[in-house]
C-alpha atoms as a PDB file:
ATOM      1  CA  MET A   1     114.071  39.597 127.187  1.00  0.00           C
ATOM      2  CA  ALA A   2     110.273  39.547 127.255  1.00  0.00           C
ATOM      3  CA  GLU A   3     110.339  40.618 130.909  1.00  0.00           C
ATOM      4  CA  LEU A   4     112.986  43.314 130.481  1.00  0.00           C
ATOM      5  CA  TYR A   5     111.444  44.949 127.410  1.00  0.00           C
ATOM      6  CA  HIS A   6     107.960  44.704 128.913  1.00  0.00           C
ATOM      7  CA  ARG A   7     109.158  46.650 131.972  1.00  0.00           C
ATOM      8  CA  TYR A   8     111.061  49.121 129.781  1.00  0.00           C
ATOM      9  CA  LEU A   9     107.900  49.912 127.805  1.00  0.00           C
ATOM     10  CA  THR A  10     105.944  50.545 131.004  1.00  0.00           C
ATOM     11  CA  GLY A  11     108.788  52.522 132.532  1.00  0.00           C
ATOM     12  CA  VAL A  12     109.162  54.841 129.540  1.00  0.00           C
ATOM     13  CA  LEU A  13     105.416  55.583 129.531  1.00  0.00           C
ATOM     14  CA  LEU A  14     105.547  56.476 133.219  1.00  0.00           C
ATOM     15  CA  ALA A  15     108.685  58.564 132.691  1.00  0.00           C
ATOM     16  CA  LEU A  16     106.967  60.445 129.875  1.00  0.00           C
ATOM     17  CA  VAL A  17     104.004  61.305 132.085  1.00  0.00           C
ATOM     18  CA  GLN A  18     106.277  62.505 134.870  1.00  0.00           C
ATOM     19  CA  ARG A  19     108.923  64.319 132.799  1.00  0.00           C
ATOM     20  CA  SER A  20     107.073  65.464 129.676  1.00  0.00           C
ATOM     21  CA  GLY A  21     103.422  65.681 130.704  1.00  0.00           C
ATOM     22  CA  THR A  22     100.268  63.748 129.891  1.00  0.00           C
ATOM     23  CA  ALA A  23      99.665  65.235 126.445  1.00  0.00           C
ATOM     24  CA  ARG A  24     103.076  64.275 125.058  1.00  0.00           C
ATOM     25  CA  ALA A  25     102.956  60.872 126.744  1.00  0.00           C
ATOM     26  CA  ALA A  26      99.588  60.253 125.088  1.00  0.00           C
ATOM     27  CA  GLU A  27     100.928  61.304 121.699  1.00  0.00           C
ATOM     28  CA  VAL A  28     103.882  58.926 121.972  1.00  0.00           C
ATOM     29  CA  ALA A  29     101.478  56.130 122.970  1.00  0.00           C
ATOM     30  CA  ARG A  30      99.108  56.880 120.077  1.00  0.00           C
ATOM     31  CA  ARG A  31     101.909  56.932 117.520  1.00  0.00           C
ATOM     32  CA  THR A  32     103.513  53.799 118.950  1.00  0.00           C
ATOM     33  CA  PHE A  33     100.284  51.838 118.660  1.00  0.00           C
ATOM     34  CA  ARG A  34      99.537  53.221 115.186  1.00  0.00           C
ATOM     35  CA  ARG A  35     102.988  52.149 114.010  1.00  0.00           C
ATOM     36  CA  GLN A  36     102.370  48.692 115.468  1.00  0.00           C
ATOM     37  CA  HIS A  37      98.958  48.535 113.825  1.00  0.00           C
ATOM     38  CA  LEU A  38     100.241  49.460 110.371  1.00  0.00           C
ATOM     39  CA  GLU A  39     102.998  46.845 110.551  1.00  0.00           C
ATOM     40  CA  LYS A  40     101.126  43.981 112.204  1.00  0.00           C
ATOM     41  CA  PHE A  41      97.349  44.115 111.794  1.00  0.00           C
ATOM     42  CA  LEU A  42      96.665  43.012 108.225  1.00  0.00           C
ATOM     43  CA  PRO A  43      99.480  40.401 108.099  1.00  0.00           C
ATOM     44  CA  GLY A  44      98.246  39.158 111.483  1.00  0.00           C
ATOM     45  CA  LEU A  45      94.729  38.579 110.167  1.00  0.00           C
ATOM     46  CA  GLU A  46      96.242  36.343 107.497  1.00  0.00           C
ATOM     47  CA  LYS A  47      98.481  34.426 109.910  1.00  0.00           C
ATOM     48  CA  LEU A  48      95.644  33.822 112.365  1.00  0.00           C
ATOM     49  CA  GLY A  49      93.231  32.625 109.663  1.00  0.00           C
ATOM     50  CA  LEU A  50      90.691  35.409 110.232  1.00  0.00           C
ATOM     51  CA  VAL A  51      90.364  36.687 106.670  1.00  0.00           C
ATOM     52  CA  GLY A  52      86.799  36.266 105.387  1.00  0.00           C
ATOM     53  CA  LEU A  53      85.069  36.719 108.738  1.00  0.00           C
ATOM     54  CA  PRO A  54      82.753  39.714 109.263  1.00  0.00           C
ATOM     55  CA  ASP A  55      84.973  42.693 110.000  1.00  0.00           C
ATOM     56  CA  ALA A  56      83.779  43.309 113.571  1.00  0.00           C
ATOM     57  CA  VAL A  57      84.231  39.639 114.452  1.00  0.00           C
ATOM     58  CA  ALA A  58      87.632  39.383 112.765  1.00  0.00           C
ATOM     59  CA  CYS A  59      88.912  42.422 114.676  1.00  0.00           C
ATOM     60  CA  ALA A  60      87.760  41.163 118.067  1.00  0.00           C
ATOM     61  CA  GLN A  61      89.123  37.667 117.448  1.00  0.00           C
ATOM     62  CA  TYR A  62      92.421  39.170 116.273  1.00  0.00           C
ATOM     63  CA  HIS A  63      92.908  40.955 119.600  1.00  0.00           C
ATOM     64  CA  TYR A  64      91.936  37.828 121.501  1.00  0.00           C
ATOM     65  CA  LEU A  65      94.323  35.514 119.673  1.00  0.00           C
ATOM     66  CA  SER A  66      97.301  37.818 119.092  1.00  0.00           C
ATOM     67  CA  ASN A  67      97.376  39.041 122.682  1.00  0.00           C
ATOM     68  CA  ALA A  68      96.976  35.524 124.067  1.00  0.00           C
ATOM     69  CA  LEU A  69     100.098  34.488 122.143  1.00  0.00           C
ATOM     70  CA  GLY A  70     101.939  37.410 123.729  1.00  0.00           C
ATOM     71  CA  GLY A  71     100.939  36.341 127.240  1.00  0.00           C
ATOM     72  CA  VAL A  72      98.176  38.945 127.683  1.00  0.00           C
ATOM     73  CA  SER A  73      94.871  37.970 129.295  1.00  0.00           C
ATOM     74  CA  VAL A  74      92.073  38.862 126.850  1.00  0.00           C
ATOM     75  CA  GLU A  75      88.552  37.510 126.349  1.00  0.00           C
ATOM     76  CA  TRP A  76      86.466  37.507 123.173  1.00  0.00           C
ATOM     77  CA  ILE A  77      82.718  37.886 123.702  1.00  0.00           C
ATOM     78  CA  PRO A  78      80.580  37.290 120.588  1.00  0.00           C
ATOM     79  CA  GLU A  79      77.312  39.136 120.071  1.00  0.00           C
ATOM     80  CA  SER A  80      76.550  39.328 116.337  1.00  0.00           C
ATOM     81  CA  ASP A  81      78.251  39.637 112.959  1.00  0.00           C
ATOM     82  CA  THR A  82      78.248  43.420 113.343  1.00  0.00           C
ATOM     83  CA  ARG A  83      79.081  43.699 117.070  1.00  0.00           C
ATOM     84  CA  SER A  84      81.861  41.736 118.750  1.00  0.00           C
ATOM     85  CA  TRP A  85      83.419  42.384 122.162  1.00  0.00           C
ATOM     86  CA  VAL A  86      86.884  42.158 123.716  1.00  0.00           C
ATOM     87  CA  ARG A  87      87.835  42.387 127.381  1.00  0.00           C
ATOM     88  CA  TYR A  88      91.426  43.010 128.466  1.00  0.00           C
ATOM     89  CA  LYS A  89      91.348  41.533 131.947  1.00  0.00           C
ATOM     90  CA  PRO A  90      93.311  42.781 134.944  1.00  0.00           C
ATOM     91  CA  PRO A  91      96.163  42.677 135.560  1.00  0.00           C
ATOM     92  CA  ARG A  92      96.743  44.828 132.473  1.00  0.00           C
ATOM     93  CA  TRP A  93      99.941  43.638 130.793  1.00  0.00           C
ATOM     94  CA  ILE A  94     101.184  47.004 129.592  1.00  0.00           C
ATOM     95  CA  PHE A  95     100.621  48.745 132.951  1.00  0.00           C
ATOM     96  CA  ASP A  96     102.821  46.378 134.886  1.00  0.00           C
ATOM     97  CA  GLY A  97     102.008  45.911 138.577  1.00  0.00           C
ATOM     98  CA  THR A  98     101.330  49.109 140.496  1.00  0.00           C
ATOM     99  CA  ALA A  99     102.095  51.203 137.389  1.00  0.00           C
ATOM    100  CA  VAL A 100      98.370  51.114 136.553  1.00  0.00           C
ATOM    101  CA  ALA A 101      97.839  53.670 139.332  1.00  0.00           C
ATOM    102  CA  GLY A 102     100.181  56.147 137.614  1.00  0.00           C
ATOM    103  CA  ILE A 103      98.944  55.958 134.013  1.00  0.00           C
ATOM    104  CA  PRO A 104      96.484  58.728 133.065  1.00  0.00           C
ATOM    105  CA  THR A 105      93.338  57.693 131.225  1.00  0.00           C
ATOM    106  CA  GLU A 106      94.407  59.941 128.336  1.00  0.00           C
ATOM    107  CA  VAL A 107      97.377  57.633 127.688  1.00  0.00           C
ATOM    108  CA  SER A 108      95.174  54.547 127.706  1.00  0.00           C
ATOM    109  CA  ARG A 109      92.716  56.241 125.340  1.00  0.00           C
ATOM    110  CA  ALA A 110      95.578  57.220 123.047  1.00  0.00           C
ATOM    111  CA  MET A 111      96.473  53.550 122.606  1.00  0.00           C
ATOM    112  CA  LEU A 112      92.935  52.879 121.390  1.00  0.00           C
ATOM    113  CA  TRP A 113      93.111  55.838 119.001  1.00  0.00           C
ATOM    114  CA  GLY A 114      96.378  54.466 117.660  1.00  0.00           C
ATOM    115  CA  TRP A 115      95.154  50.940 117.014  1.00  0.00           C
ATOM    116  CA  HIS A 116      91.459  50.138 117.528  1.00  0.00           C
ATOM    117  CA  ALA A 117      90.158  53.296 115.863  1.00  0.00           C
ATOM    118  CA  HIS A 118      92.164  52.522 112.712  1.00  0.00           C
ATOM    119  CA  ASN A 119      90.997  48.967 112.051  1.00  0.00           C
ATOM    120  CA  GLY A 120      88.155  50.079 109.795  1.00  0.00           C
ATOM    121  CA  VAL A 121      90.520  52.298 107.805  1.00  0.00           C
ATOM    122  CA  SER A 122      92.981  49.444 107.274  1.00  0.00           C
ATOM    123  CA  LEU A 123      90.165  47.101 106.247  1.00  0.00           C
ATOM    124  CA  GLY A 124      88.665  49.660 103.860  1.00  0.00           C
ATOM    125  CA  ASN A 125      85.439  49.657 105.872  1.00  0.00           C
ATOM    126  CA  PRO A 126      84.483  53.253 106.821  1.00  0.00           C
ATOM    127  CA  ARG A 127      81.498  51.999 108.854  1.00  0.00           C
ATOM    128  CA  LEU A 128      83.607  50.056 111.357  1.00  0.00           C
ATOM    129  CA  GLY A 129      84.482  51.579 114.722  1.00  0.00           C
ATOM    130  CA  PHE A 130      85.256  50.688 118.322  1.00  0.00           C
ATOM    131  CA  VAL A 131      83.174  51.564 121.381  1.00  0.00           C
ATOM    132  CA  CYS A 132      84.988  51.484 124.740  1.00  0.00           C
ATOM    133  CA  THR A 133      82.724  50.750 127.713  1.00  0.00           C
ATOM    134  CA  SER A 134      85.237  50.357 130.583  1.00  0.00           C
ATOM    135  CA  MET A 135      88.838  51.364 131.304  1.00  0.00           C
ATOM    136  CA  THR A 136      91.136  49.995 133.985  1.00  0.00           C
ATOM    137  CA  THR A 137      92.703  53.439 134.357  1.00  0.00           C
ATOM    138  CA  ASP A 138      89.268  54.739 135.440  1.00  0.00           C
ATOM    139  CA  GLY A 139      88.860  51.925 137.961  1.00  0.00           C
ATOM    140  CA  GLY A 140      86.839  49.715 135.619  1.00  0.00           C
ATOM    141  CA  ALA A 141      87.148  45.932 135.726  1.00  0.00           C
ATOM    142  CA  GLY A 142      89.407  45.808 132.716  1.00  0.00           C
ATOM    143  CA  LEU A 143      89.468  47.553 129.365  1.00  0.00           C
ATOM    144  CA  VAL A 144      86.245  46.466 127.686  1.00  0.00           C
ATOM    145  CA  GLY A 145      84.621  47.410 124.398  1.00  0.00           C
ATOM    146  CA  TYR A 146      83.223  46.204 121.113  1.00  0.00           C
ATOM    147  CA  TYR A 147      83.845  46.530 117.429  1.00  0.00           C
ATOM    148  CA  VAL A 148      80.707  47.638 115.669  1.00  0.00           C
ATOM    149  CA  GLU A 149      79.796  47.954 112.015  1.00  0.00           C
ATOM    150  CA  GLU A 150      77.299  50.789 111.666  1.00  0.00           C
ATOM    151  CA  ASP A 151      74.864  51.392 108.810  1.00  0.00           C
ATOM    152  CA  HIS A 152      76.553  54.705 107.951  1.00  0.00           C
ATOM    153  CA  VAL A 153      80.036  56.022 107.300  1.00  0.00           C
ATOM    154  CA  LEU A 154      81.807  57.104 110.479  1.00  0.00           C
ATOM    155  CA  GLU A 155      83.534  60.465 110.738  1.00  0.00           C
ATOM    156  CA  PRO A 156      87.173  60.189 111.902  1.00  0.00           C
ATOM    157  CA  GLU A 157      86.267  61.418 115.403  1.00  0.00           C
ATOM    158  CA  ASP A 158      83.585  58.698 115.677  1.00  0.00           C
ATOM    159  CA  ARG A 159      85.854  55.755 114.898  1.00  0.00           C
ATOM    160  CA  LEU A 160      86.478  55.527 118.649  1.00  0.00           C
ATOM    161  CA  ARG A 161      83.673  56.306 121.107  1.00  0.00           C
ATOM    162  CA  PHE A 162      83.245  55.933 124.842  1.00  0.00           C
ATOM    163  CA  SER A 163      80.068  54.569 126.393  1.00  0.00           C
ATOM    164  CA  PRO A 164      80.687  53.738 130.078  1.00  0.00           C
ATOM    165  CA  GLY A 165      78.244  51.333 131.626  1.00  0.00           C
ATOM    166  CA  GLU A 166      77.351  49.212 128.606  1.00  0.00           C
ATOM    167  CA  THR A 167      77.856  45.546 129.407  1.00  0.00           C
ATOM    168  CA  PRO A 168      78.709  42.664 127.101  1.00  0.00           C
ATOM    169  CA  PRO A 169      76.729  39.432 126.754  1.00  0.00           C
ATOM    170  CA  ALA A 170      77.363  36.905 129.481  1.00  0.00           C
ATOM    171  CA  THR A 171      78.858  34.186 127.270  1.00  0.00           C
ATOM    172  CA  VAL A 172      82.591  34.296 126.612  1.00  0.00           C
ATOM    173  CA  GLY A 173      83.671  32.886 123.262  1.00  0.00           C
ATOM    174  CA  GLU A 174      86.347  30.235 122.848  1.00  0.00           C
ATOM    175  CA  LEU A 175      88.622  29.828 119.870  1.00  0.00           C
ATOM    176  CA  PRO A 176      91.204  27.132 119.138  1.00  0.00           C
ATOM    177  CA  ARG A 177      94.621  28.019 120.526  1.00  0.00           C
ATOM    178  CA  VAL A 178      97.829  27.093 118.759  1.00  0.00           C
ATOM    179  CA  ASP A 179      99.552  23.964 120.009  1.00  0.00           C
ATOM    180  CA  TRP A 180     103.146  25.166 120.090  1.00  0.00           C
ATOM    181  CA  SER A 181     106.111  24.071 122.178  1.00  0.00           C
ATOM    182  CA  GLU A 182     107.063  26.047 125.283  1.00  0.00           C
ATOM    183  CA  GLU A 183     110.210  27.263 123.530  1.00  0.00           C
ATOM    184  CA  ARG A 184     108.263  28.614 120.547  1.00  0.00           C
ATOM    185  CA  LEU A 185     105.701  30.315 122.770  1.00  0.00           C
ATOM    186  CA  ALA A 186     108.530  31.893 124.779  1.00  0.00           C
ATOM    187  CA  LYS A 187     109.963  33.329 121.550  1.00  0.00           C
ATOM    188  CA  VAL A 188     106.543  34.713 120.622  1.00  0.00           C
ATOM    189  CA  GLU A 189     106.287  36.427 124.019  1.00  0.00           C
ATOM    190  CA  ARG A 190     109.791  37.827 123.547  1.00  0.00           C
ATOM    191  CA  ASN A 191     108.942  39.146 120.099  1.00  0.00           C
ATOM    192  CA  TYR A 192     105.667  40.615 121.394  1.00  0.00           C
ATOM    193  CA  ALA A 193     107.496  42.792 123.939  1.00  0.00           C
ATOM    194  CA  MET A 194     110.353  43.598 121.556  1.00  0.00           C
ATOM    195  CA  GLU A 195     107.985  44.844 118.846  1.00  0.00           C
ATOM    196  CA  TYR A 196     106.487  47.380 121.225  1.00  0.00           C
ATOM    197  CA  VAL A 197     109.935  48.760 122.043  1.00  0.00           C
ATOM    198  CA  ARG A 198     110.868  48.720 118.353  1.00  0.00           C
ATOM    199  CA  SER A 199     107.860  50.968 117.724  1.00  0.00           C
ATOM    200  CA  LEU A 200     108.237  53.048 120.889  1.00  0.00           C
ATOM    201  CA  ILE A 201     111.774  54.405 120.559  1.00  0.00           C
ATOM    202  CA  PRO A 202     111.407  56.012 117.084  1.00  0.00           C
ATOM    203  CA  GLU A 203     108.159  57.682 118.159  1.00  0.00           C
ATOM    204  CA  LEU A 204     109.699  58.806 121.442  1.00  0.00           C
ATOM    205  CA  VAL A 205     112.423  60.767 119.663  1.00  0.00           C
ATOM    206  CA  ALA A 206     109.995  61.965 116.957  1.00  0.00           C
ATOM    207  CA  VAL A 207     107.570  63.531 119.459  1.00  0.00           C
ATOM    208  CA  LEU A 208     110.014  64.885 122.042  1.00  0.00           C
ATOM    209  CA  GLY A 209     112.871  65.618 119.676  1.00  0.00           C
ATOM    210  CA  SER A 210     116.088  63.632 119.542  1.00  0.00           C
ATOM    211  CA  ALA A 211     117.769  65.152 122.593  1.00  0.00           C
ATOM    212  CA  ASP A 212     114.789  65.060 124.963  1.00  0.00           C
ATOM    213  CA  GLY A 213     113.535  61.711 123.682  1.00  0.00           C
ATOM    214  CA  GLY A 214     116.948  60.134 124.068  1.00  0.00           C
ATOM    215  CA  PHE A 215     117.288  61.594 127.561  1.00  0.00           C
ATOM    216  CA  VAL A 216     113.918  60.340 128.807  1.00  0.00           C
ATOM    217  CA  GLY A 217     114.450  56.905 127.272  1.00  0.00           C
ATOM    218  CA  ARG A 218     117.974  56.612 128.660  1.00  0.00           C
ATOM    219  CA  ILE A 219     117.044  57.645 132.206  1.00  0.00           C
ATOM    220  CA  ALA A 220     114.045  55.288 132.204  1.00  0.00           C
ATOM    221  CA  GLY A 221     116.260  52.533 130.800  1.00  0.00           C
ATOM    222  CA  ARG A 222     118.841  53.014 133.540  1.00  0.00           C
ATOM    223  CA  GLN A 223     116.139  52.907 136.205  1.00  0.00           C
ATOM    224  CA  ILE A 224     114.502  49.786 134.744  1.00  0.00           C
ATOM    225  CA  GLY A 225     117.865  48.067 134.316  1.00  0.00           C
ATOM    226  CA  MET A 226     118.823  48.740 137.932  1.00  0.00           C
ATOM    227  CA  GLN A 227     115.388  47.876 139.302  1.00  0.00           C
ATOM    228  CA  HIS A 228     115.190  44.538 137.506  1.00  0.00           C
ATOM    229  CA  HIS A 229     118.804  43.384 137.665  1.00  0.00           C
ATOM    230  CA  GLU A 230     118.052  40.723 140.277  1.00  0.00           C
ATOM    231  CA  LEU A 231     115.008  39.526 138.325  1.00  0.00           C
ATOM    232  CA  ILE A 232     117.101  39.096 135.171  1.00  0.00           C
ATOM    233  CA  LEU A 233     119.849  37.217 137.025  1.00  0.00           C
ATOM    234  CA  GLY A 234     117.201  34.959 138.562  1.00  0.00           C
ATOM    235  CA  LEU A 235     115.628  34.192 135.191  1.00  0.00           C
ATOM    236  CA  LEU A 236     119.048  33.413 133.713  1.00  0.00           C
ATOM    237  CA  ASP A 237     120.126  31.495 136.802  1.00  0.00           C
ATOM    238  CA  ASP A 238     123.427  33.381 136.807  1.00  0.00           C
ATOM    239  CA  GLY A 239     125.906  33.152 139.645  1.00  0.00           C
ATOM    240  CA  PRO A 240     127.393  36.040 141.616  1.00  0.00           C
ATOM    241  CA  ALA A 241     129.090  38.968 139.877  1.00  0.00           C
ATOM    242  CA  GLU A 242     132.848  38.453 139.829  1.00  0.00           C
ATOM    243  CA  GLY A 243     134.232  41.118 137.511  1.00  0.00           C
ATOM    244  CA  PRO A 244     133.967  42.649 134.034  1.00  0.00           C
ATOM    245  CA  ALA A 245     133.852  39.150 132.496  1.00  0.00           C
ATOM    246  CA  SER A 246     130.715  38.358 134.480  1.00  0.00           C
ATOM    247  CA  PHE A 247     128.831  41.375 133.162  1.00  0.00           C
ATOM    248  CA  ALA A 248     130.125  40.790 129.633  1.00  0.00           C
ATOM    249  CA  ALA A 249     128.700  37.269 129.785  1.00  0.00           C
ATOM    250  CA  LEU A 250     125.355  38.666 130.981  1.00  0.00           C
ATOM    251  CA  LEU A 251     125.236  41.264 128.207  1.00  0.00           C
ATOM    252  CA  ALA A 252     126.134  38.634 125.621  1.00  0.00           C
ATOM    253  CA  ARG A 253     123.388  36.298 126.846  1.00  0.00           C
ATOM    254  CA  LEU A 254     120.841  39.104 126.580  1.00  0.00           C
ATOM    255  CA  ALA A 255     121.999  39.962 123.063  1.00  0.00           C
ATOM    256  CA  ALA A 256     121.776  36.315 122.021  1.00  0.00           C
ATOM    257  CA  ALA A 257     118.311  36.086 123.600  1.00  0.00           C
ATOM    258  CA  GLN A 258     117.213  38.890 121.254  1.00  0.00           C
ATOM    259  CA  GLY A 259     118.378  36.855 118.287  1.00  0.00           C
ATOM    260  CA  ASP A 260     121.559  38.863 117.662  1.00  0.00           C
ATOM    261  CA  THR A 261     125.035  37.627 116.793  1.00  0.00           C
ATOM    262  CA  VAL A 262     127.463  38.376 119.609  1.00  0.00           C
ATOM    263  CA  GLU A 263     130.982  37.595 120.839  1.00  0.00           C
ATOM    264  CA  VAL A 264     132.951  38.277 124.027  1.00  0.00           C
ATOM    265  CA  GLU A 265     136.639  39.014 124.539  1.00  0.00           C
ATOM    266  CA  VAL A 266     138.234  39.161 128.010  1.00  0.00           C
ATOM    267  CA  SER A 267     141.707  40.547 128.731  1.00  0.00           C
ATOM    268  CA  ALA A 268     144.336  38.196 130.117  1.00  0.00           C
ATOM    269  CA  ASP A 269     144.206  39.760 133.576  1.00  0.00           C
ATOM    270  CA  GLY A 270     140.367  39.834 133.619  1.00  0.00           C
ATOM    271  CA  GLY A 271     140.346  43.580 134.190  1.00  0.00           C
ATOM    272  CA  GLU A 272     138.542  44.419 130.957  1.00  0.00           C
ATOM    273  CA  ALA A 273     135.994  42.702 128.730  1.00  0.00           C
ATOM    274  CA  ARG A 274     134.558  43.591 125.350  1.00  0.00           C
ATOM    275  CA  VAL A 275     131.196  42.563 123.910  1.00  0.00           C
ATOM    276  CA  ARG A 276     130.639  42.852 120.162  1.00  0.00           C
ATOM    277  CA  GLN A 277     127.113  42.667 118.772  1.00  0.00           C
ATOM    278  CA  HIS A 278     127.101  42.316 114.984  1.00  0.00           C
ATOM    279  CA  THR A 279     123.361  42.700 114.352  1.00  0.00           C
ATOM    280  CA  TRP A 280     120.578  44.852 115.803  1.00  0.00           C
ATOM    281  CA  ARG A 281     117.381  42.869 115.518  1.00  0.00           C
ATOM    282  CA  LEU A 282     115.433  45.278 117.713  1.00  0.00           C
ATOM    283  CA  LEU A 283     115.932  48.619 115.966  1.00  0.00           C
ATOM    284  CA  GLY A 284     118.115  47.964 112.935  1.00  0.00           C
ATOM    285  CA  GLY A 285     116.857  48.703 109.446  1.00  0.00           C
ATOM    286  CA  GLN A 286     114.924  51.887 110.228  1.00  0.00           C
ATOM    287  CA  PRO A 287     115.978  55.547 110.285  1.00  0.00           C
ATOM    288  CA  LEU A 288     116.879  56.488 113.837  1.00  0.00           C
ATOM    289  CA  PRO A 289     118.920  59.380 115.273  1.00  0.00           C
ATOM    290  CA  PRO A 290     121.901  58.512 117.497  1.00  0.00           C
ATOM    291  CA  GLU A 291     119.822  59.348 120.570  1.00  0.00           C
ATOM    292  CA  GLY A 292     117.618  56.347 119.815  1.00  0.00           C
ATOM    293  CA  PHE A 293     120.562  54.119 120.620  1.00  0.00           C
ATOM    294  CA  GLU A 294     121.187  56.072 123.824  1.00  0.00           C
ATOM    295  CA  ALA A 295     117.589  55.498 124.921  1.00  0.00           C
ATOM    296  CA  TRP A 296     118.001  51.747 124.437  1.00  0.00           C
ATOM    297  CA  ASN A 297     121.525  51.574 125.820  1.00  0.00           C
ATOM    298  CA  GLY A 298     120.300  52.973 129.128  1.00  0.00           C
ATOM    299  CA  LEU A 299     119.090  49.471 129.979  1.00  0.00           C
ATOM    300  CA  TRP A 300     122.622  48.067 129.874  1.00  0.00           C
ATOM    301  CA  GLU A 301     124.021  51.052 131.774  1.00  0.00           C
ATOM    302  CA  GLY A 302     121.466  50.407 134.514  1.00  0.00           C
ATOM    303  CA  LEU A 303     122.265  46.706 134.700  1.00  0.00           C
ATOM    304  CA  ALA A 304     125.985  47.467 134.918  1.00  0.00           C
ATOM    305  CA  ALA A 305     125.467  50.034 137.680  1.00  0.00           C
ATOM    306  CA  VAL A 306     124.256  47.380 140.127  1.00  0.00           C
ATOM    307  CA  HIS A 307     126.038  44.306 138.793  1.00  0.00           C
ATOM    308  CA  GLY A 308     128.121  43.678 141.879  1.00  0.00           C
ATOM    309  CA  PRO A 309     127.989  47.232 143.300  1.00  0.00           C
ATOM    310  CA  HIS A 310     131.427  46.735 144.853  1.00  0.00           C
ATOM    311  CA  LEU A 311     132.863  46.251 141.359  1.00  0.00           C
ATOM    312  CA  GLY A 312     132.076  49.793 140.184  1.00  0.00           C
ATOM    313  CA  LEU A 313     131.649  48.688 136.568  1.00  0.00           C
ATOM    314  CA  ARG A 314     131.715  51.106 133.663  1.00  0.00           C
ATOM    315  CA  VAL A 315     130.183  50.099 130.333  1.00  0.00           C
ATOM    316  CA  ASP A 316     131.063  52.246 127.308  1.00  0.00           C
ATOM    317  CA  ALA A 317     129.843  51.845 123.743  1.00  0.00           C
ATOM    318  CA  VAL A 318     133.058  52.412 121.788  1.00  0.00           C
ATOM    319  CA  GLU A 319     131.795  51.166 118.403  1.00  0.00           C
ATOM    320  CA  ARG A 320     128.338  51.967 117.057  1.00  0.00           C
ATOM    321  CA  LEU A 321     126.619  49.850 114.420  1.00  0.00           C
ATOM    322  CA  ASP A 322     123.968  52.563 114.072  1.00  0.00           C
ATOM    323  CA  LEU A 323     126.694  55.095 113.166  1.00  0.00           C
ATOM    324  CA  GLY A 324     128.268  52.948 110.470  1.00  0.00           C
ATOM    325  CA  ASP A 325     130.736  50.892 112.494  1.00  0.00           C
ATOM    326  CA  PRO A 326     130.822  47.142 111.731  1.00  0.00           C
ATOM    327  CA  TYR A 327     129.267  46.244 115.094  1.00  0.00           C
ATOM    328  CA  PHE A 328     128.334  47.549 118.514  1.00  0.00           C
ATOM    329  CA  GLU A 329     131.212  47.139 120.925  1.00  0.00           C
ATOM    330  CA  TRP A 330     130.883  47.705 124.647  1.00  0.00           C
ATOM    331  CA  ARG A 331     134.015  47.974 126.780  1.00  0.00           C
ATOM    332  CA  ILE A 332     133.479  46.906 130.386  1.00  0.00           C
ATOM    333  CA  ARG A 333     135.965  47.700 133.120  1.00  0.00           C
ATOM    334  CA  ARG A 334     136.168  48.874 136.684  1.00  0.00           C
ATOM    335  CA  ARG A 335     135.838  52.583 137.248  1.00  0.00           C
ATOM    336  CA  ARG A 336     139.037  54.411 138.110  1.00  0.00           C
END
């Protein structure tokens, strides 16, 4: 699930740029990262044992440690108690593969406005800001910058500044990493990607409107599902597609991998299968228009479209947990 949701996040951002324009893509990115920040930043400081450090240092170490747990390559570069650097090294996790060549700098900047520029506000320190000195989307060797505590209160527009060409100290800092099992780290990586999608979809429909947001998310989901079907089968070590039961088993495994409760029912002749998902760990528990489900469900439609192309599978959501039904139920059968 970490791989699939990672690619979905990247795919939706690219789809937004292409279908809705840079300005709206940047606004979705800014709001997504602000939502993430408000939910995760202060609790994360506690969990990572960073409370009590100077604010600039705590912020830089937070990005180093939290991203490392999510499988992102980040360096922390100490300078002083009031200036502390981070470097997000290529390859940039969020701009998967060649996608980095299609992401406008405005979208990358919007992510910083959503998160990094708000750290001082969340900490109650109006003198704390972030200075970005390099961006991968401009051809720089990574996204690089430093948290700085100034001797004066920063205006809102100065909480994030750009100063290309400044270079960090040569010495990279090292912090203790958690000694967790491979299984626990895999769950952390899964949750890392899932949390971005949990934040993305509500902001997608809020900025574009329910109809347009659902459409863009669904089309991107279908494309990502189709494009990464073979990757997902390889990761799950699944055998060849043999009918509706095969896809139902795949969908159920993906639901279980998200931490949801799921069951499968296959007809006696094998011509139809039903998957019931009783929980919605990804997006449940927050207000969301019906089109939010459609944006997410595009992933499963895309996977079904190429799951044994000779099978001509159709996957229909006939029960909707988000609309008050007791569970999600997908009916899978051959097209007629």
